[in-house]
C-alpha atoms as a PDB file:
ATOM      1  CA  MET A   1      88.791-168.370 -23.720  1.00  0.00           C
ATOM      2  CA  SER A   2      85.622-167.041 -25.289  1.00  0.00           C
ATOM      3  CA  LYS A   3      85.908-164.904 -28.416  1.00  0.00           C
ATOM      4  CA  LYS A   4      84.535-161.434 -27.908  1.00  0.00           C
ATOM      5  CA  THR A   5      83.784-159.784 -31.234  1.00  0.00           C
ATOM      6  CA  GLY A   6      82.372-156.543 -29.880  1.00  0.00           C
ATOM      7  CA  LEU A   7      84.246-153.293 -29.609  1.00  0.00           C
ATOM      8  CA  GLY A   8      85.155-153.919 -25.941  1.00  0.00           C
ATOM      9  CA  GLY A   9      86.635-157.313 -26.770  1.00  0.00           C
ATOM     10  CA  ARG A  10      88.721-155.972 -29.639  1.00  0.00           C
ATOM     11  CA  VAL A  11      90.005-153.077 -27.499  1.00  0.00           C
ATOM     12  CA  ALA A  12      90.922-155.467 -24.669  1.00  0.00           C
ATOM     13  CA  ARG A  13      92.721-157.770 -27.094  1.00  0.00           C
ATOM     14  CA  PHE A  14      94.579-154.830 -28.602  1.00  0.00           C
ATOM     15  CA  PHE A  15      95.872-153.740 -25.196  1.00  0.00           C
ATOM     16  CA  ARG A  16      96.866-157.326 -24.274  1.00  0.00           C
ATOM     17  CA  GLN A  17      98.808-157.568 -27.533  1.00  0.00           C
ATOM     18  CA  VAL A  18     100.460-154.181 -26.881  1.00  0.00           C
ATOM     19  CA  ARG A  19     101.577-155.301 -23.429  1.00  0.00           C
ATOM     20  CA  ALA A  20     102.944-158.574 -24.801  1.00  0.00           C
ATOM     21  CA  GLU A  21     104.912-156.677 -27.496  1.00  0.00           C
ATOM     22  CA  LEU A  22     106.317-154.245 -25.011  1.00  0.00           C
ATOM     23  CA  LYS A  23     107.674-157.175 -22.941  1.00  0.00           C
ATOM     24  CA  LYS A  24     109.670-158.225 -26.005  1.00  0.00           C
ATOM     25  CA  VAL A  25     111.330-154.857 -26.455  1.00  0.00           C
ATOM     26  CA  ASN A  26     115.061-154.742 -25.779  1.00  0.00           C
ATOM     27  CA  TRP A  27     115.191-151.486 -23.835  1.00  0.00           C
ATOM     28  CA  PRO A  28     118.494-149.620 -23.935  1.00  0.00           C
ATOM     29  CA  THR A  29     120.513-149.164 -20.768  1.00  0.00           C
ATOM     30  CA  LYS A  30     121.081-145.669 -19.328  1.00  0.00           C
ATOM     31  CA  GLU A  31     124.613-145.632 -20.718  1.00  0.00           C
ATOM     32  CA  GLU A  32     123.486-146.639 -24.225  1.00  0.00           C
ATOM     33  CA  LEU A  33     120.769-144.041 -24.181  1.00  0.00           C
ATOM     34  CA  THR A  34     123.224-141.310 -23.057  1.00  0.00           C
ATOM     35  CA  LYS A  35     125.751-142.266 -25.752  1.00  0.00           C
ATOM     36  CA  ASN A  36     123.144-142.443 -28.529  1.00  0.00           C
ATOM     37  CA  THR A  37     121.650-139.069 -27.415  1.00  0.00           C
ATOM     38  CA  ALA A  38     125.119-137.528 -27.510  1.00  0.00           C
ATOM     39  CA  VAL A  39     125.708-138.856 -31.043  1.00  0.00           C
ATOM     40  CA  VAL A  40     122.391-137.364 -32.204  1.00  0.00           C
ATOM     41  CA  VAL A  41     123.091-133.981 -30.610  1.00  0.00           C
ATOM     42  CA  VAL A  42     126.604-133.784 -32.045  1.00  0.00           C
ATOM     43  CA  THR A  43     125.363-134.786 -35.500  1.00  0.00           C
ATOM     44  CA  ILE A  44     122.684-132.114 -35.398  1.00  0.00           C
ATOM     45  CA  VAL A  45     125.148-129.453 -34.360  1.00  0.00           C
ATOM     46  CA  ILE A  46     127.604-130.425 -37.124  1.00  0.00           C
ATOM     47  CA  LEU A  47     124.872-130.502 -39.797  1.00  0.00           C
ATOM     48  CA  THR A  48     123.469-127.166 -38.594  1.00  0.00           C
ATOM     49  CA  ALA A  49     126.921-125.561 -38.791  1.00  0.00           C
ATOM     50  CA  PHE A  50     127.446-127.061 -42.300  1.00  0.00           C
ATOM     51  CA  ILE A  51     124.113-125.831 -43.612  1.00  0.00           C
ATOM     52  CA  ALA A  52     124.662-122.399 -42.070  1.00  0.00           C
ATOM     53  CA  LEU A  53     128.074-122.170 -43.719  1.00  0.00           C
ATOM     54  CA  ILE A  54     126.679-123.218 -47.132  1.00  0.00           C
ATOM     55  CA  ASP A  55     123.880-120.630 -46.685  1.00  0.00           C
ATOM     56  CA  LEU A  56     126.331-117.919 -45.813  1.00  0.00           C
ATOM     57  CA  ILE A  57     128.542-118.700 -48.785  1.00  0.00           C
ATOM     58  CA  LEU A  58     125.698-118.972 -51.311  1.00  0.00           C
ATOM     59  CA  GLY A  59     124.068-115.878 -49.886  1.00  0.00           C
ATOM     60  CA  SER A  60     127.244-113.800 -50.246  1.00  0.00           C
ATOM     61  CA  VAL A  61     127.879-115.114 -53.759  1.00  0.00           C
ATOM     62  CA  LEU A  62     124.315-114.857 -55.079  1.00  0.00           C
ATOM     63  CA  THR A  63     123.213-111.587 -53.485  1.00  0.00           C
ATOM     64  CA  PRO A  64     125.365-109.352 -55.771  1.00  0.00           C
ATOM     65  CA  ILE A  65     124.181-111.342 -58.831  1.00  0.00           C
ATOM     66  CA  ILE A  66     120.508-111.059 -57.927  1.00  0.00           C
ATOM     67  CA  LEU A  67     120.648-107.394 -56.930  1.00  0.00           C
END
């Protein structure tokens, strides 16, 4: 294999390496992806509710103090 040092050769080598790395990836199954997505969505909902609750509490406590 001849070594290409020009831009075209480096770009081609880059895409060959990308393709080789993508073949090594352990892609999740549909079930794993669904479960992981559900975990992320539930976590976001819980954290959003928690932050909203803290905001509501702090807002009601601090508003009379500030005004």
